[in-house]
């Protein structure tokens, strides 16, 4: 499998894509929680009406995404090529991280149902 100009084994490529998808899903859900916490403070103090607070928060989040340079992310990627990551991370570490993320997501879901 060719990915970003590097030759990767099929299993390594699938693992890398799966890890990226998990990270994106986590960030998507985490963004909802961060926005809700920020908006809740403004609404609770009656600084803004709820509709205005939600629209303002969404606009600011969109502007942050559109104007960010991604310098930190690109710097990290520059120091850790995909092939090196695949060779360094043993399967046990991957399973442990996946289990912890799954447990974290389950606990958050259970807490939200209360």
N, C-alpha and C. Protein backbone atom coordinates (compact mmCIF):
# COMPACT_ATOMS: atom_id res chain seq x y z
N UNK A 1 0.84 -1.17 0.00
CA UNK A 1 0.00 0.00 0.00
C UNK A 1 0.89 1.23 0.00
N UNK A 2 0.64 2.13 -0.92
CA UNK A 2 1.36 3.40 -0.98
C UNK A 2 0.55 4.47 -0.27
N UNK A 3 1.16 5.15 0.69
CA UNK A 3 0.48 6.20 1.43
C UNK A 3 1.47 7.31 1.68
N UNK A 4 1.18 8.49 1.16
CA UNK A 4 2.03 9.66 1.30
C UNK A 4 3.45 9.40 0.79
N UNK A 5 3.57 8.66 -0.28
CA UNK A 5 4.86 8.38 -0.88
C UNK A 5 5.68 7.33 -0.16
N UNK A 6 5.10 6.69 0.85
CA UNK A 6 5.79 5.65 1.62
C UNK A 6 5.12 4.32 1.32
N UNK A 7 5.93 3.26 1.25
CA UNK A 7 5.38 1.92 1.06
C UNK A 7 5.09 1.33 2.43
N UNK A 8 3.82 0.97 2.65
CA UNK A 8 3.40 0.40 3.92
C UNK A 8 2.81 -0.98 3.68
N UNK A 9 2.98 -1.85 4.65
CA UNK A 9 2.30 -3.14 4.61
C UNK A 9 0.81 -2.89 4.72
N UNK A 10 0.01 -3.79 4.18
CA UNK A 10 -1.43 -3.60 4.17
C UNK A 10 -1.99 -3.44 5.58
N UNK A 11 -1.56 -4.27 6.51
CA UNK A 11 -2.03 -4.18 7.89
C UNK A 11 -1.66 -2.86 8.53
N UNK A 12 -0.46 -2.38 8.25
CA UNK A 12 -0.01 -1.11 8.80
C UNK A 12 -0.84 0.04 8.25
N UNK A 13 -1.12 0.01 6.95
CA UNK A 13 -1.92 1.06 6.33
C UNK A 13 -3.33 1.09 6.88
N UNK A 14 -3.91 -0.09 7.07
CA UNK A 14 -5.27 -0.16 7.62
C UNK A 14 -5.27 0.35 9.06
N UNK A 15 -4.26 -0.04 9.84
CA UNK A 15 -4.15 0.44 11.21
C UNK A 15 -4.01 1.96 11.25
N UNK A 16 -3.20 2.51 10.38
CA UNK A 16 -3.00 3.96 10.35
C UNK A 16 -4.30 4.68 10.01
N UNK A 17 -5.01 4.20 9.02
CA UNK A 17 -6.27 4.83 8.63
C UNK A 17 -7.29 4.69 9.75
N UNK A 18 -7.35 3.52 10.40
CA UNK A 18 -8.27 3.31 11.51
C UNK A 18 -7.94 4.25 12.68
N UNK A 19 -6.66 4.41 12.96
CA UNK A 19 -6.25 5.31 14.05
C UNK A 19 -6.64 6.76 13.74
N UNK A 20 -6.46 7.16 12.50
CA UNK A 20 -6.85 8.53 12.11
C UNK A 20 -8.35 8.72 12.20
N UNK A 21 -9.12 7.74 11.79
CA UNK A 21 -10.58 7.83 11.89
C UNK A 21 -11.03 7.91 13.35
N UNK A 22 -10.39 7.11 14.21
CA UNK A 22 -10.73 7.17 15.64
C UNK A 22 -10.41 8.54 16.22
N UNK A 23 -9.29 9.10 15.84
CA UNK A 23 -8.91 10.43 16.34
C UNK A 23 -9.90 11.49 15.86
N UNK A 24 -10.30 11.40 14.59
CA UNK A 24 -11.26 12.37 14.07
C UNK A 24 -12.61 12.25 14.77
N UNK A 25 -13.06 11.03 15.01
CA UNK A 25 -14.33 10.83 15.72
C UNK A 25 -14.25 11.39 17.14
N UNK A 26 -13.13 11.13 17.82
CA UNK A 26 -12.97 11.66 19.17
C UNK A 26 -13.00 13.18 19.17
N UNK A 27 -12.29 13.80 18.24
CA UNK A 27 -12.27 15.26 18.17
C UNK A 27 -13.65 15.83 17.86
N UNK A 28 -14.40 15.13 17.01
CA UNK A 28 -15.75 15.58 16.66
C UNK A 28 -16.64 15.58 17.90
N UNK A 29 -16.62 14.49 18.67
CA UNK A 29 -17.44 14.41 19.88
C UNK A 29 -16.93 15.37 20.94
N UNK A 30 -15.63 15.48 21.09
CA UNK A 30 -15.05 16.37 22.08
C UNK A 30 -15.40 17.82 21.78
N UNK A 31 -15.47 18.18 20.50
CA UNK A 31 -15.84 19.53 20.12
C UNK A 31 -17.25 19.89 20.56
N UNK A 32 -18.16 18.92 20.47
CA UNK A 32 -19.52 19.16 20.95
C UNK A 32 -19.51 19.47 22.44
N UNK A 33 -18.74 18.71 23.21
CA UNK A 33 -18.72 18.89 24.66
C UNK A 33 -18.07 20.22 25.02
N UNK A 34 -16.98 20.58 24.36
CA UNK A 34 -16.32 21.86 24.66
C UNK A 34 -17.23 23.03 24.33
N UNK A 35 -17.91 22.95 23.20
CA UNK A 35 -18.81 24.03 22.81
C UNK A 35 -19.97 24.13 23.80
N UNK A 36 -20.51 23.00 24.19
CA UNK A 36 -21.62 23.02 25.15
C UNK A 36 -21.19 23.64 26.48
N UNK A 37 -20.01 23.32 26.95
CA UNK A 37 -19.53 23.90 28.20
C UNK A 37 -19.33 25.40 28.08
N UNK A 38 -18.77 25.86 26.98
CA UNK A 38 -18.55 27.29 26.79
C UNK A 38 -19.87 28.04 26.67
N UNK A 39 -20.80 27.49 25.93
CA UNK A 39 -22.08 28.16 25.73
C UNK A 39 -22.91 28.12 27.01
N UNK A 40 -22.81 27.06 27.78
CA UNK A 40 -23.60 26.95 29.01
C UNK A 40 -23.28 28.08 29.98
N UNK A 41 -22.02 28.47 30.07
CA UNK A 41 -21.65 29.56 30.97
C UNK A 41 -22.29 30.87 30.54
N UNK A 42 -22.25 31.16 29.26
CA UNK A 42 -22.81 32.41 28.75
C UNK A 42 -24.33 32.42 28.91
N UNK A 43 -24.95 31.28 28.69
CA UNK A 43 -26.41 31.21 28.83
C UNK A 43 -26.82 31.29 30.30
N UNK A 44 -26.11 30.60 31.16
CA UNK A 44 -26.46 30.56 32.58
C UNK A 44 -26.35 31.94 33.22
N UNK A 45 -25.36 32.72 32.81
CA UNK A 45 -25.18 34.06 33.38
C UNK A 45 -26.07 35.09 32.70
N UNK A 46 -26.85 34.65 31.71
CA UNK A 46 -27.76 35.53 30.95
C UNK A 46 -27.00 36.65 30.23
N UNK A 47 -25.76 36.37 29.87
CA UNK A 47 -24.99 37.35 29.09
C UNK A 47 -25.51 37.43 27.67
N UNK A 48 -25.91 36.30 27.12
CA UNK A 48 -26.47 36.24 25.77
C UNK A 48 -27.69 35.33 25.79
N UNK A 49 -28.58 35.56 24.83
CA UNK A 49 -29.70 34.64 24.66
C UNK A 49 -29.16 33.33 24.10
N UNK A 50 -29.82 32.22 24.37
CA UNK A 50 -29.31 30.91 23.93
C UNK A 50 -29.06 30.82 22.42
N UNK A 51 -29.98 31.33 21.61
CA UNK A 51 -29.80 31.24 20.15
C UNK A 51 -28.58 32.03 19.71
N UNK A 52 -28.40 33.21 20.26
CA UNK A 52 -27.25 34.04 19.90
C UNK A 52 -25.96 33.37 20.35
N UNK A 53 -25.95 32.79 21.54
CA UNK A 53 -24.74 32.14 22.07
C UNK A 53 -24.33 30.95 21.20
N UNK A 54 -25.29 30.14 20.79
CA UNK A 54 -24.98 28.97 19.98
C UNK A 54 -24.47 29.38 18.61
N UNK A 55 -25.11 30.36 17.99
CA UNK A 55 -24.68 30.83 16.67
C UNK A 55 -23.29 31.46 16.76
N UNK A 56 -23.06 32.25 17.79
CA UNK A 56 -21.76 32.90 17.97
C UNK A 56 -20.66 31.85 18.19
N UNK A 57 -20.95 30.84 19.01
CA UNK A 57 -19.98 29.77 19.26
C UNK A 57 -19.67 29.00 17.98
N UNK A 58 -20.70 28.67 17.21
CA UNK A 58 -20.48 27.97 15.94
C UNK A 58 -19.65 28.78 14.97
N UNK A 59 -19.93 30.08 14.90
CA UNK A 59 -19.17 30.96 14.00
C UNK A 59 -17.71 31.03 14.43
N UNK A 60 -17.47 31.19 15.73
CA UNK A 60 -16.08 31.27 16.22
C UNK A 60 -15.33 29.96 16.01
N UNK A 61 -16.00 28.83 16.21
CA UNK A 61 -15.35 27.54 15.94
C UNK A 61 -15.01 27.40 14.46
N UNK A 62 -15.92 27.79 13.59
CA UNK A 62 -15.66 27.73 12.15
C UNK A 62 -14.49 28.63 11.77
N UNK A 63 -14.44 29.83 12.32
CA UNK A 63 -13.34 30.75 12.00
C UNK A 63 -12.01 30.19 12.51
N UNK A 64 -12.03 29.53 13.66
CA UNK A 64 -10.81 28.92 14.18
C UNK A 64 -10.29 27.83 13.27
N UNK A 65 -11.19 27.03 12.73
CA UNK A 65 -10.78 25.96 11.82
C UNK A 65 -10.24 26.55 10.52
N UNK A 66 -10.92 27.56 10.00
CA UNK A 66 -10.51 28.13 8.72
C UNK A 66 -9.22 28.94 8.80
N UNK A 67 -8.92 29.53 9.94
CA UNK A 67 -7.74 30.38 10.05
C UNK A 67 -6.54 29.70 10.68
N UNK A 68 -6.71 28.49 11.22
CA UNK A 68 -5.56 27.82 11.85
C UNK A 68 -4.58 27.34 10.79
N UNK A 69 -3.32 27.38 11.14
CA UNK A 69 -2.29 26.98 10.17
C UNK A 69 -1.95 25.50 10.27
N UNK A 70 -2.24 24.89 11.40
CA UNK A 70 -1.89 23.49 11.59
C UNK A 70 -0.41 23.28 11.79
N UNK A 71 0.31 24.31 12.22
CA UNK A 71 1.76 24.23 12.36
C UNK A 71 2.19 23.16 13.35
N UNK A 72 1.48 23.03 14.46
CA UNK A 72 1.85 22.04 15.46
C UNK A 72 1.67 20.63 14.90
N UNK A 73 0.53 20.38 14.26
CA UNK A 73 0.27 19.05 13.70
C UNK A 73 1.29 18.71 12.62
N UNK A 74 1.61 19.66 11.75
CA UNK A 74 2.59 19.39 10.71
C UNK A 74 3.98 19.17 11.29
N UNK A 75 4.30 19.87 12.38
CA UNK A 75 5.58 19.66 13.03
C UNK A 75 5.71 18.28 13.63
N UNK A 76 4.64 17.79 14.24
CA UNK A 76 4.66 16.44 14.81
C UNK A 76 4.79 15.40 13.72
N UNK A 77 4.04 15.58 12.64
CA UNK A 77 4.10 14.62 11.53
C UNK A 77 5.49 14.61 10.90
N UNK A 78 6.13 15.77 10.83
CA UNK A 78 7.47 15.84 10.22
C UNK A 78 8.49 15.03 11.02
N UNK A 79 8.32 14.95 12.33
CA UNK A 79 9.27 14.22 13.17
C UNK A 79 8.96 12.75 13.30
N UNK A 80 7.74 12.32 12.92
CA UNK A 80 7.36 10.92 13.08
C UNK A 80 6.74 10.40 11.79
N UNK A 81 7.55 9.95 10.86
CA UNK A 81 6.99 9.37 9.63
C UNK A 81 6.12 8.15 9.93
N UNK A 82 5.18 7.86 9.05
CA UNK A 82 4.22 6.78 9.26
C UNK A 82 4.92 5.43 9.43
N UNK A 83 5.98 5.19 8.68
CA UNK A 83 6.67 3.91 8.77
C UNK A 83 7.30 3.74 10.15
N UNK A 84 7.92 4.80 10.68
CA UNK A 84 8.52 4.71 12.01
C UNK A 84 7.47 4.46 13.08
N UNK A 85 6.32 5.12 12.98
CA UNK A 85 5.25 4.90 13.95
C UNK A 85 4.80 3.45 13.94
N UNK A 86 4.66 2.89 12.76
CA UNK A 86 4.19 1.51 12.65
C UNK A 86 5.20 0.54 13.25
N UNK A 87 6.48 0.84 13.16
CA UNK A 87 7.49 -0.07 13.68
C UNK A 87 7.67 0.09 15.19
N UNK A 88 7.41 1.28 15.71
CA UNK A 88 7.64 1.54 17.12
C UNK A 88 6.49 1.05 17.99
N UNK A 89 5.27 1.22 17.53
CA UNK A 89 4.12 0.87 18.35
C UNK A 89 3.82 -0.63 18.30
N UNK A 90 3.99 -1.33 19.39
CA UNK A 90 3.64 -2.75 19.38
C UNK A 90 2.12 -2.90 19.47
N UNK A 91 1.66 -4.07 19.15
CA UNK A 91 0.23 -4.34 19.14
C UNK A 91 -0.38 -4.17 20.52
N UNK A 92 0.36 -4.52 21.57
CA UNK A 92 -0.17 -4.39 22.92
C UNK A 92 -0.50 -2.94 23.27
N UNK A 93 0.34 -2.03 22.85
CA UNK A 93 0.08 -0.61 23.12
C UNK A 93 -1.16 -0.16 22.37
N UNK A 94 -1.30 -0.58 21.15
CA UNK A 94 -2.46 -0.21 20.34
C UNK A 94 -3.74 -0.73 20.98
N UNK A 95 -3.72 -1.97 21.43
CA UNK A 95 -4.90 -2.55 22.07
C UNK A 95 -5.22 -1.81 23.37
N UNK A 96 -4.21 -1.46 24.13
CA UNK A 96 -4.42 -0.74 25.38
C UNK A 96 -5.04 0.62 25.12
N UNK A 97 -4.52 1.34 24.17
CA UNK A 97 -5.06 2.66 23.84
C UNK A 97 -6.50 2.54 23.34
N UNK A 98 -6.76 1.58 22.48
CA UNK A 98 -8.12 1.39 21.97
C UNK A 98 -9.08 1.03 23.11
N UNK A 99 -8.64 0.20 24.03
CA UNK A 99 -9.49 -0.17 25.16
C UNK A 99 -9.78 1.03 26.05
N UNK A 100 -8.78 1.84 26.29
CA UNK A 100 -8.98 3.03 27.13
C UNK A 100 -9.91 4.02 26.45
N UNK A 101 -9.75 4.22 25.16
CA UNK A 101 -10.65 5.13 24.44
C UNK A 101 -12.08 4.60 24.45
N UNK A 102 -12.24 3.30 24.29
CA UNK A 102 -13.57 2.71 24.32
C UNK A 102 -14.20 2.86 25.70
N UNK A 103 -13.43 2.61 26.74
CA UNK A 103 -13.93 2.76 28.10
C UNK A 103 -14.29 4.21 28.39
N UNK A 104 -13.46 5.13 27.94
CA UNK A 104 -13.73 6.54 28.13
C UNK A 104 -15.03 6.94 27.44
N UNK A 105 -15.21 6.50 26.20
CA UNK A 105 -16.43 6.83 25.47
C UNK A 105 -17.66 6.22 26.14
N UNK A 106 -17.54 5.00 26.65
CA UNK A 106 -18.66 4.35 27.32
C UNK A 106 -19.02 5.07 28.61
N UNK A 107 -18.01 5.50 29.37
CA UNK A 107 -18.29 6.23 30.60
C UNK A 107 -18.93 7.57 30.31
N UNK A 108 -18.47 8.26 29.28
CA UNK A 108 -19.09 9.55 28.92
C UNK A 108 -20.53 9.35 28.49
N UNK A 109 -20.79 8.30 27.72
CA UNK A 109 -22.16 8.03 27.27
C UNK A 109 -23.05 7.69 28.47
N UNK A 110 -22.54 6.90 29.40
CA UNK A 110 -23.33 6.55 30.57
C UNK A 110 -23.59 7.77 31.45
N UNK A 111 -22.63 8.65 31.56
CA UNK A 111 -22.80 9.86 32.38
C UNK A 111 -23.84 10.80 31.76
N UNK A 112 -23.90 10.83 30.45
CA UNK A 112 -24.86 11.72 29.78
C UNK A 112 -26.28 11.21 29.91
N UNK A 113 -26.47 9.90 30.13
CA UNK A 113 -27.81 9.33 30.26
C UNK A 113 -28.42 9.56 31.64
N UNK A 114 -27.62 9.94 32.60
CA UNK A 114 -28.13 10.15 33.97
C UNK A 114 -28.91 11.41 34.07
